[in-house]
């Protein structure tokens, strides 16, 4: 999944300039509501996207958006987050690096609840008149949530602490990421000109920062990340406002 995310971002950045060069390209706006779930965790997301259709056939689209995601879990395990600890690297080639297990500790949070508002990058392909596929990923934003009781575990020893969602979110590469970020692969079925239904998979990173630097080896650390893979179901509403505007 990580290599797919990286390839998708590179593809997005490589073609985004074409959208602005094609002044006659068709534009579309959507609002999606998505529920994602797996064992003991789930999320609810509301997502607005603005898409530019590219090429003569205009089957391929790219765009920007804004997504509000609320995540709730039960007894979730959060692992050491900074890449300089997990793989002793912060280079763009970090996805080729193996994790250093002795550097990774665990933070258990009983009821994690993170709400994040992020700018998103979006890609969309029209397979048939009724069926399309897409990929969307959060790029940057912020997170909020209440302080939680947590249990820090280092080997066979434990320590009670408190933690809050990391406030600033930023998409980089692999464990270089910071904060809480949502991404999704989906297939959408067009019910009519306005409504659609969709299904796919959501890959959601949530991150907590402890009140003190509880991890001390190989250096001090207070950031811990949970990586969730969930089934996602949702509905899409196509906005028609832009039909009134010249392209």
C-alpha atoms as a PDB file:
ATOM      1  CA  UNK A   1       0.000   0.000   0.000  1.00  0.00           C
ATOM      2  CA  UNK A   2       2.821   2.422   0.850  1.00  0.00           C
ATOM      3  CA  UNK A   3       4.482   2.072  -2.553  1.00  0.00           C
ATOM      4  CA  UNK A   4       1.085   2.554  -4.229  1.00  0.00           C
ATOM      5  CA  UNK A   5       0.570   5.773  -2.267  1.00  0.00           C
ATOM      6  CA  UNK A   6       3.975   7.070  -3.306  1.00  0.00           C
ATOM      7  CA  UNK A   7       3.435   6.212  -6.981  1.00  0.00           C
ATOM      8  CA  UNK A   8       0.023   7.894  -6.883  1.00  0.00           C
ATOM      9  CA  UNK A   9       1.454  11.096  -5.411  1.00  0.00           C
ATOM     10  CA  UNK A  10       4.226  11.226  -8.022  1.00  0.00           C
ATOM     11  CA  UNK A  11       1.665  10.688 -10.781  1.00  0.00           C
ATOM     12  CA  UNK A  12      -0.537  13.426  -9.341  1.00  0.00           C
ATOM     13  CA  UNK A  13       2.285  15.947  -9.176  1.00  0.00           C
ATOM     14  CA  UNK A  14       3.466  15.015 -12.663  1.00  0.00           C
ATOM     15  CA  UNK A  15       0.140  15.811 -14.332  1.00  0.00           C
ATOM     16  CA  UNK A  16      -1.400  18.486 -12.110  1.00  0.00           C
ATOM     17  CA  UNK A  17       0.000  21.272 -14.320  1.00  0.00           C
ATOM     18  CA  UNK A  18      -1.992  19.919 -17.281  1.00  0.00           C
ATOM     19  CA  UNK A  19      -5.246  20.734 -15.523  1.00  0.00           C
ATOM     20  CA  UNK A  20      -4.367  24.419 -15.416  1.00  0.00           C
ATOM     21  CA  UNK A  21      -3.062  24.436 -18.993  1.00  0.00           C
ATOM     22  CA  UNK A  22      -6.324  22.999 -20.366  1.00  0.00           C
ATOM     23  CA  UNK A  23      -8.628  25.955 -19.896  1.00  0.00           C
ATOM     24  CA  UNK A  24     -11.471  24.136 -21.662  1.00  0.00           C
ATOM     25  CA  UNK A  25     -11.332  21.093 -19.410  1.00  0.00           C
ATOM     26  CA  UNK A  26     -14.576  20.113 -17.739  1.00  0.00           C
ATOM     27  CA  UNK A  27     -14.853  20.600 -14.000  1.00  0.00           C
ATOM     28  CA  UNK A  28     -16.906  18.626 -11.480  1.00  0.00           C
ATOM     29  CA  UNK A  29     -17.611  18.950  -7.783  1.00  0.00           C
ATOM     30  CA  UNK A  30     -18.607  16.143  -5.400  1.00  0.00           C
ATOM     31  CA  UNK A  31     -19.527  15.728  -1.778  1.00  0.00           C
ATOM     32  CA  UNK A  32     -18.969  12.229  -0.376  1.00  0.00           C
ATOM     33  CA  UNK A  33     -20.012  10.677   2.903  1.00  0.00           C
ATOM     34  CA  UNK A  34     -18.016   7.581   3.877  1.00  0.00           C
ATOM     35  CA  UNK A  35     -18.198   5.084   6.731  1.00  0.00           C
ATOM     36  CA  UNK A  36     -15.180   2.809   7.260  1.00  0.00           C
ATOM     37  CA  UNK A  37     -14.850  -0.026   9.746  1.00  0.00           C
ATOM     38  CA  UNK A  38     -12.895  -3.030  10.928  1.00  0.00           C
ATOM     39  CA  UNK A  39     -12.525  -4.838  14.259  1.00  0.00           C
ATOM     40  CA  UNK A  40     -12.762  -2.397  17.216  1.00  0.00           C
ATOM     41  CA  UNK A  41     -12.313   0.748  15.110  1.00  0.00           C
ATOM     42  CA  UNK A  42     -14.080   2.866  12.529  1.00  0.00           C
ATOM     43  CA  UNK A  43     -14.361   6.303  10.977  1.00  0.00           C
ATOM     44  CA  UNK A  44     -16.842   8.728   9.455  1.00  0.00           C
ATOM     45  CA  UNK A  45     -15.677  11.141   6.736  1.00  0.00           C
ATOM     46  CA  UNK A  46     -17.256  14.007   4.782  1.00  0.00           C
ATOM     47  CA  UNK A  47     -15.260  14.935   1.697  1.00  0.00           C
ATOM     48  CA  UNK A  48     -15.596  17.772  -0.832  1.00  0.00           C
ATOM     49  CA  UNK A  49     -13.623  17.416  -4.094  1.00  0.00           C
ATOM     50  CA  UNK A  50     -13.140  19.701  -7.091  1.00  0.00           C
ATOM     51  CA  UNK A  51     -11.977  17.791 -10.180  1.00  0.00           C
ATOM     52  CA  UNK A  52     -10.498  18.813 -13.533  1.00  0.00           C
ATOM     53  CA  UNK A  53     -11.043  16.337 -16.397  1.00  0.00           C
ATOM     54  CA  UNK A  54      -7.997  15.834 -18.622  1.00  0.00           C
ATOM     55  CA  UNK A  55      -7.432  14.661 -22.198  1.00  0.00           C
ATOM     56  CA  UNK A  56      -9.719  14.461 -25.222  1.00  0.00           C
ATOM     57  CA  UNK A  57     -11.810  11.644 -23.760  1.00  0.00           C
ATOM     58  CA  UNK A  58     -11.832  13.352 -20.346  1.00  0.00           C
ATOM     59  CA  UNK A  59     -12.004  10.031 -18.562  1.00  0.00           C
ATOM     60  CA  UNK A  60      -9.149  10.878 -16.207  1.00  0.00           C
ATOM     61  CA  UNK A  61      -9.532  13.590 -13.551  1.00  0.00           C
ATOM     62  CA  UNK A  62      -7.374  15.130 -10.862  1.00  0.00           C
ATOM     63  CA  UNK A  63      -8.353  17.567  -8.169  1.00  0.00           C
ATOM     64  CA  UNK A  64      -8.108  19.096  -4.744  1.00  0.00           C
ATOM     65  CA  UNK A  65     -10.498  18.790  -1.841  1.00  0.00           C
ATOM     66  CA  UNK A  66     -11.150  19.140   1.854  1.00  0.00           C
ATOM     67  CA  UNK A  67     -11.967  16.185   4.111  1.00  0.00           C
ATOM     68  CA  UNK A  68     -13.258  16.031   7.663  1.00  0.00           C
ATOM     69  CA  UNK A  69     -12.624  12.627   9.259  1.00  0.00           C
ATOM     70  CA  UNK A  70     -13.583  11.418  12.718  1.00  0.00           C
ATOM     71  CA  UNK A  71     -11.891   8.234  13.958  1.00  0.00           C
ATOM     72  CA  UNK A  72     -12.909   6.154  16.973  1.00  0.00           C
ATOM     73  CA  UNK A  73     -11.227   3.012  18.275  1.00  0.00           C
ATOM     74  CA  UNK A  74     -11.083   0.667  21.254  1.00  0.00           C
ATOM     75  CA  UNK A  75      -7.884  -0.693  22.849  1.00  0.00           C
ATOM     76  CA  UNK A  76      -5.660   0.340  19.955  1.00  0.00           C
ATOM     77  CA  UNK A  77      -1.897  -0.157  19.754  1.00  0.00           C
ATOM     78  CA  UNK A  78       0.176   2.840  18.658  1.00  0.00           C
ATOM     79  CA  UNK A  79       3.820   2.310  17.648  1.00  0.00           C
ATOM     80  CA  UNK A  80       6.849   4.605  17.640  1.00  0.00           C
ATOM     81  CA  UNK A  81       6.243   7.106  14.826  1.00  0.00           C
ATOM     82  CA  UNK A  82       9.373   9.098  13.808  1.00  0.00           C
ATOM     83  CA  UNK A  83      11.168   7.592  10.821  1.00  0.00           C
ATOM     84  CA  UNK A  84      14.602   8.312  12.315  1.00  0.00           C
ATOM     85  CA  UNK A  85      13.715   5.752  14.999  1.00  0.00           C
ATOM     86  CA  UNK A  86      11.661   3.197  13.045  1.00  0.00           C
ATOM     87  CA  UNK A  87      14.220   2.821  10.229  1.00  0.00           C
ATOM     88  CA  UNK A  88      17.100   5.146  11.181  1.00  0.00           C
ATOM     89  CA  UNK A  89      16.379   7.251   8.094  1.00  0.00           C
ATOM     90  CA  UNK A  90      14.353  10.252   6.973  1.00  0.00           C
ATOM     91  CA  UNK A  91      15.296  10.077   3.285  1.00  0.00           C
ATOM     92  CA  UNK A  92      12.682   9.974   0.471  1.00  0.00           C
ATOM     93  CA  UNK A  93      13.795   6.363  -0.119  1.00  0.00           C
ATOM     94  CA  UNK A  94      12.659   5.325   3.342  1.00  0.00           C
ATOM     95  CA  UNK A  95      10.148   2.827   1.951  1.00  0.00           C
ATOM     96  CA  UNK A  96      13.117   0.630   0.956  1.00  0.00           C
ATOM     97  CA  UNK A  97      14.317   0.538   4.578  1.00  0.00           C
ATOM     98  CA  UNK A  98      13.454  -2.224   7.050  1.00  0.00           C
ATOM     99  CA  UNK A  99      12.057  -1.386  10.470  1.00  0.00           C
ATOM    100  CA  UNK A 100      14.463  -1.583  13.401  1.00  0.00           C
ATOM    101  CA  UNK A 101      12.349  -3.575  15.849  1.00  0.00           C
ATOM    102  CA  UNK A 102      14.455  -2.783  18.930  1.00  0.00           C
ATOM    103  CA  UNK A 103      13.718   0.942  18.400  1.00  0.00           C
ATOM    104  CA  UNK A 104       9.934   0.524  18.266  1.00  0.00           C
ATOM    105  CA  UNK A 105       7.879   0.751  21.454  1.00  0.00           C
ATOM    106  CA  UNK A 106       4.111   0.654  21.989  1.00  0.00           C
ATOM    107  CA  UNK A 107       1.478   2.980  23.369  1.00  0.00           C
ATOM    108  CA  UNK A 108      -1.928   1.437  24.171  1.00  0.00           C
ATOM    109  CA  UNK A 109      -4.871   3.865  24.130  1.00  0.00           C
ATOM    110  CA  UNK A 110      -8.202   2.546  25.404  1.00  0.00           C
ATOM    111  CA  UNK A 111     -10.549   4.847  23.468  1.00  0.00           C
ATOM    112  CA  UNK A 112      -8.675   6.868  20.829  1.00  0.00           C
ATOM    113  CA  UNK A 113     -10.798   9.543  19.159  1.00  0.00           C
ATOM    114  CA  UNK A 114      -9.225  11.829  16.569  1.00  0.00           C
ATOM    115  CA  UNK A 115     -10.979  14.400  14.381  1.00  0.00           C
ATOM    116  CA  UNK A 116      -8.915  15.713  11.463  1.00  0.00           C
ATOM    117  CA  UNK A 117      -9.534  18.341   8.790  1.00  0.00           C
ATOM    118  CA  UNK A 118      -7.162  18.004   5.833  1.00  0.00           C
ATOM    119  CA  UNK A 119      -6.640  19.213   2.276  1.00  0.00           C
ATOM    120  CA  UNK A 120      -6.764  16.218  -0.072  1.00  0.00           C
ATOM    121  CA  UNK A 121      -5.226  15.190  -3.408  1.00  0.00           C
ATOM    122  CA  UNK A 122      -7.589  13.235  -5.680  1.00  0.00           C
ATOM    123  CA  UNK A 123      -7.453  11.103  -8.827  1.00  0.00           C
ATOM    124  CA  UNK A 124     -10.438   9.657 -10.664  1.00  0.00           C
ATOM    125  CA  UNK A 125     -10.932   7.464 -13.758  1.00  0.00           C
ATOM    126  CA  UNK A 126     -14.231   6.901 -15.594  1.00  0.00           C
ATOM    127  CA  UNK A 127     -14.289   3.207 -16.551  1.00  0.00           C
ATOM    128  CA  UNK A 128     -17.788   3.169 -18.072  1.00  0.00           C
ATOM    129  CA  UNK A 129     -20.710   5.614 -18.086  1.00  0.00           C
ATOM    130  CA  UNK A 130     -21.851   4.160 -14.767  1.00  0.00           C
ATOM    131  CA  UNK A 131     -18.648   2.955 -13.091  1.00  0.00           C
ATOM    132  CA  UNK A 132     -15.570   4.909 -12.030  1.00  0.00           C
ATOM    133  CA  UNK A 133     -12.583   4.344  -9.760  1.00  0.00           C
ATOM    134  CA  UNK A 134     -10.594   6.738  -7.634  1.00  0.00           C
ATOM    135  CA  UNK A 135      -7.762   7.309  -5.214  1.00  0.00           C
ATOM    136  CA  UNK A 136      -7.671  10.116  -2.651  1.00  0.00           C
ATOM    137  CA  UNK A 137      -5.134  11.011   0.021  1.00  0.00           C
ATOM    138  CA  UNK A 138      -4.836  13.724   2.659  1.00  0.00           C
ATOM    139  CA  UNK A 139      -1.926  16.134   2.221  1.00  0.00           C
ATOM    140  CA  UNK A 140      -1.937  18.540   5.152  1.00  0.00           C
ATOM    141  CA  UNK A 141      -4.186  19.920   7.867  1.00  0.00           C
ATOM    142  CA  UNK A 142      -4.765  19.666  11.589  1.00  0.00           C
ATOM    143  CA  UNK A 143      -6.239  17.293  14.186  1.00  0.00           C
ATOM    144  CA  UNK A 144      -8.085  17.751  17.467  1.00  0.00           C
ATOM    145  CA  UNK A 145      -9.225  15.431  20.242  1.00  0.00           C
ATOM    146  CA  UNK A 146      -9.415  15.055  23.990  1.00  0.00           C
ATOM    147  CA  UNK A 147      -6.477  13.952  26.103  1.00  0.00           C
ATOM    148  CA  UNK A 148      -6.513  10.183  26.684  1.00  0.00           C
ATOM    149  CA  UNK A 149      -5.140   7.859  29.315  1.00  0.00           C
ATOM    150  CA  UNK A 150      -2.504   5.577  27.815  1.00  0.00           C
ATOM    151  CA  UNK A 151      -0.125   2.786  28.761  1.00  0.00           C
ATOM    152  CA  UNK A 152       3.419   2.990  27.396  1.00  0.00           C
ATOM    153  CA  UNK A 153       5.075  -0.415  26.961  1.00  0.00           C
ATOM    154  CA  UNK A 154       8.812  -0.975  26.539  1.00  0.00           C
ATOM    155  CA  UNK A 155       9.556  -4.681  26.382  1.00  0.00           C
ATOM    156  CA  UNK A 156       8.116  -6.202  29.547  1.00  0.00           C
ATOM    157  CA  UNK A 157       7.761  -2.957  31.490  1.00  0.00           C
ATOM    158  CA  UNK A 158       4.927  -0.431  31.373  1.00  0.00           C
ATOM    159  CA  UNK A 159       4.186   3.137  32.409  1.00  0.00           C
ATOM    160  CA  UNK A 160       0.921   5.069  32.675  1.00  0.00           C
ATOM    161  CA  UNK A 161       0.823   8.351  30.784  1.00  0.00           C
ATOM    162  CA  UNK A 162      -1.524  10.672  28.886  1.00  0.00           C
ATOM    163  CA  UNK A 163      -1.575  11.581  25.212  1.00  0.00           C
ATOM    164  CA  UNK A 164      -3.376  13.890  22.777  1.00  0.00           C
ATOM    165  CA  UNK A 165      -3.724  13.813  18.968  1.00  0.00           C
ATOM    166  CA  UNK A 166      -0.710  15.317  17.191  1.00  0.00           C
ATOM    167  CA  UNK A 167      -2.087  18.722  16.101  1.00  0.00           C
ATOM    168  CA  UNK A 168      -0.340  19.214  12.728  1.00  0.00           C
ATOM    169  CA  UNK A 169      -0.704  16.787   9.806  1.00  0.00           C
ATOM    170  CA  UNK A 170       1.662  16.547   6.829  1.00  0.00           C
ATOM    171  CA  UNK A 171       1.996  13.962   4.056  1.00  0.00           C
ATOM    172  CA  UNK A 172       5.608  13.140   3.265  1.00  0.00           C
ATOM    173  CA  UNK A 173       6.741   9.571   2.525  1.00  0.00           C
ATOM    174  CA  UNK A 174       6.089   6.477   4.636  1.00  0.00           C
ATOM    175  CA  UNK A 175       7.091   7.006   8.292  1.00  0.00           C
ATOM    176  CA  UNK A 176       8.204  10.535   7.434  1.00  0.00           C
ATOM    177  CA  UNK A 177       4.494  11.421   7.580  1.00  0.00           C
ATOM    178  CA  UNK A 178       3.363  13.461  10.546  1.00  0.00           C
ATOM    179  CA  UNK A 179      -0.008  13.481  12.291  1.00  0.00           C
ATOM    180  CA  UNK A 180      -3.279  11.904  11.131  1.00  0.00           C
ATOM    181  CA  UNK A 181      -3.968  11.304   7.432  1.00  0.00           C
ATOM    182  CA  UNK A 182      -6.766   9.550   5.557  1.00  0.00           C
ATOM    183  CA  UNK A 183      -6.472   7.831   2.166  1.00  0.00           C
ATOM    184  CA  UNK A 184      -8.934   5.766   0.168  1.00  0.00           C
ATOM    185  CA  UNK A 185      -9.196   3.540  -2.910  1.00  0.00           C
ATOM    186  CA  UNK A 186     -12.751   3.181  -4.181  1.00  0.00           C
ATOM    187  CA  UNK A 187     -15.109   2.180  -6.989  1.00  0.00           C
ATOM    188  CA  UNK A 188     -18.198   4.346  -7.549  1.00  0.00           C
ATOM    189  CA  UNK A 189     -21.459   3.375  -9.253  1.00  0.00           C
ATOM    190  CA  UNK A 190     -23.492   6.203 -10.767  1.00  0.00           C
ATOM    191  CA  UNK A 191     -27.138   5.762  -9.763  1.00  0.00           C
ATOM    192  CA  UNK A 192     -28.279   8.885 -11.641  1.00  0.00           C
ATOM    193  CA  UNK A 193     -26.856  12.248 -12.715  1.00  0.00           C
ATOM    194  CA  UNK A 194     -26.637  13.407  -9.089  1.00  0.00           C
ATOM    195  CA  UNK A 195     -26.213  10.419  -6.768  1.00  0.00           C
ATOM    196  CA  UNK A 196     -23.697   7.598  -6.618  1.00  0.00           C
ATOM    197  CA  UNK A 197     -22.731   4.794  -4.245  1.00  0.00           C
ATOM    198  CA  UNK A 198     -19.208   3.595  -3.604  1.00  0.00           C
ATOM    199  CA  UNK A 199     -17.171   0.905  -1.893  1.00  0.00           C
ATOM    200  CA  UNK A 200     -13.483   0.408  -1.295  1.00  0.00           C
ATOM    201  CA  UNK A 201     -10.728   0.461   1.315  1.00  0.00           C
ATOM    202  CA  UNK A 202      -9.617   3.221   3.638  1.00  0.00           C
ATOM    203  CA  UNK A 203      -6.048   3.480   4.922  1.00  0.00           C
ATOM    204  CA  UNK A 204      -6.035   5.779   7.935  1.00  0.00           C
ATOM    205  CA  UNK A 205      -3.045   6.914   9.990  1.00  0.00           C
ATOM    206  CA  UNK A 206      -3.767   8.431  13.398  1.00  0.00           C
ATOM    207  CA  UNK A 207      -1.048   9.803  15.653  1.00  0.00           C
ATOM    208  CA  UNK A 208      -0.831  10.719  19.343  1.00  0.00           C
ATOM    209  CA  UNK A 209       1.760  12.763  21.213  1.00  0.00           C
ATOM    210  CA  UNK A 210       2.387  11.916  24.863  1.00  0.00           C
ATOM    211  CA  UNK A 211       2.604  14.673  27.482  1.00  0.00           C
ATOM    212  CA  UNK A 212       6.177  13.624  28.278  1.00  0.00           C
ATOM    213  CA  UNK A 213       8.859  11.906  26.200  1.00  0.00           C
ATOM    214  CA  UNK A 214       8.167   8.441  27.574  1.00  0.00           C
ATOM    215  CA  UNK A 215      10.453   6.639  25.112  1.00  0.00           C
ATOM    216  CA  UNK A 216      14.135   7.142  25.915  1.00  0.00           C
ATOM    217  CA  UNK A 217      15.914   4.593  23.647  1.00  0.00           C
ATOM    218  CA  UNK A 218      17.606   5.070  21.233  1.00  0.00           C
ATOM    219  CA  UNK A 219      16.573   8.672  21.907  1.00  0.00           C
ATOM    220  CA  UNK A 220      13.673  10.534  23.491  1.00  0.00           C
ATOM    221  CA  UNK A 221      10.322  10.303  21.684  1.00  0.00           C
ATOM    222  CA  UNK A 222       6.713  11.321  22.325  1.00  0.00           C
ATOM    223  CA  UNK A 223       5.007  10.462  18.973  1.00  0.00           C
ATOM    224  CA  UNK A 224       3.155   7.184  18.336  1.00  0.00           C
ATOM    225  CA  UNK A 225       1.187   6.082  15.243  1.00  0.00           C
ATOM    226  CA  UNK A 226      -1.614   3.635  14.469  1.00  0.00           C
ATOM    227  CA  UNK A 227      -2.121   2.380  10.893  1.00  0.00           C
ATOM    228  CA  UNK A 228      -5.670   1.202  10.144  1.00  0.00           C
ATOM    229  CA  UNK A 229      -6.923  -0.657   7.047  1.00  0.00           C
ATOM    230  CA  UNK A 230     -10.724  -0.623   6.861  1.00  0.00           C
ATOM    231  CA  UNK A 231     -13.588  -1.477   4.529  1.00  0.00           C
ATOM    232  CA  UNK A 232     -15.206   1.736   3.285  1.00  0.00           C
ATOM    233  CA  UNK A 233     -18.781   2.323   2.073  1.00  0.00           C
ATOM    234  CA  UNK A 234     -20.321   5.621   1.069  1.00  0.00           C
ATOM    235  CA  UNK A 235     -22.531   7.827  -1.061  1.00  0.00           C
ATOM    236  CA  UNK A 236     -21.602  10.630  -3.468  1.00  0.00           C
ATOM    237  CA  UNK A 237     -23.543  13.732  -4.405  1.00  0.00           C
ATOM    238  CA  UNK A 238     -22.534  15.595  -7.556  1.00  0.00           C
ATOM    239  CA  UNK A 239     -22.896  19.358  -7.285  1.00  0.00           C
ATOM    240  CA  UNK A 240     -24.332  21.087 -10.354  1.00  0.00           C
ATOM    241  CA  UNK A 241     -23.340  24.667  -9.554  1.00  0.00           C
ATOM    242  CA  UNK A 242     -20.446  24.693 -12.025  1.00  0.00           C
ATOM    243  CA  UNK A 243     -22.768  23.911 -14.930  1.00  0.00           C
ATOM    244  CA  UNK A 244     -23.804  27.552 -14.757  1.00  0.00           C
ATOM    245  CA  UNK A 245     -20.230  28.749 -15.139  1.00  0.00           C
ATOM    246  CA  UNK A 246     -18.260  29.018 -18.429  1.00  0.00           C
ATOM    247  CA  UNK A 247     -15.479  26.470 -18.872  1.00  0.00           C
END
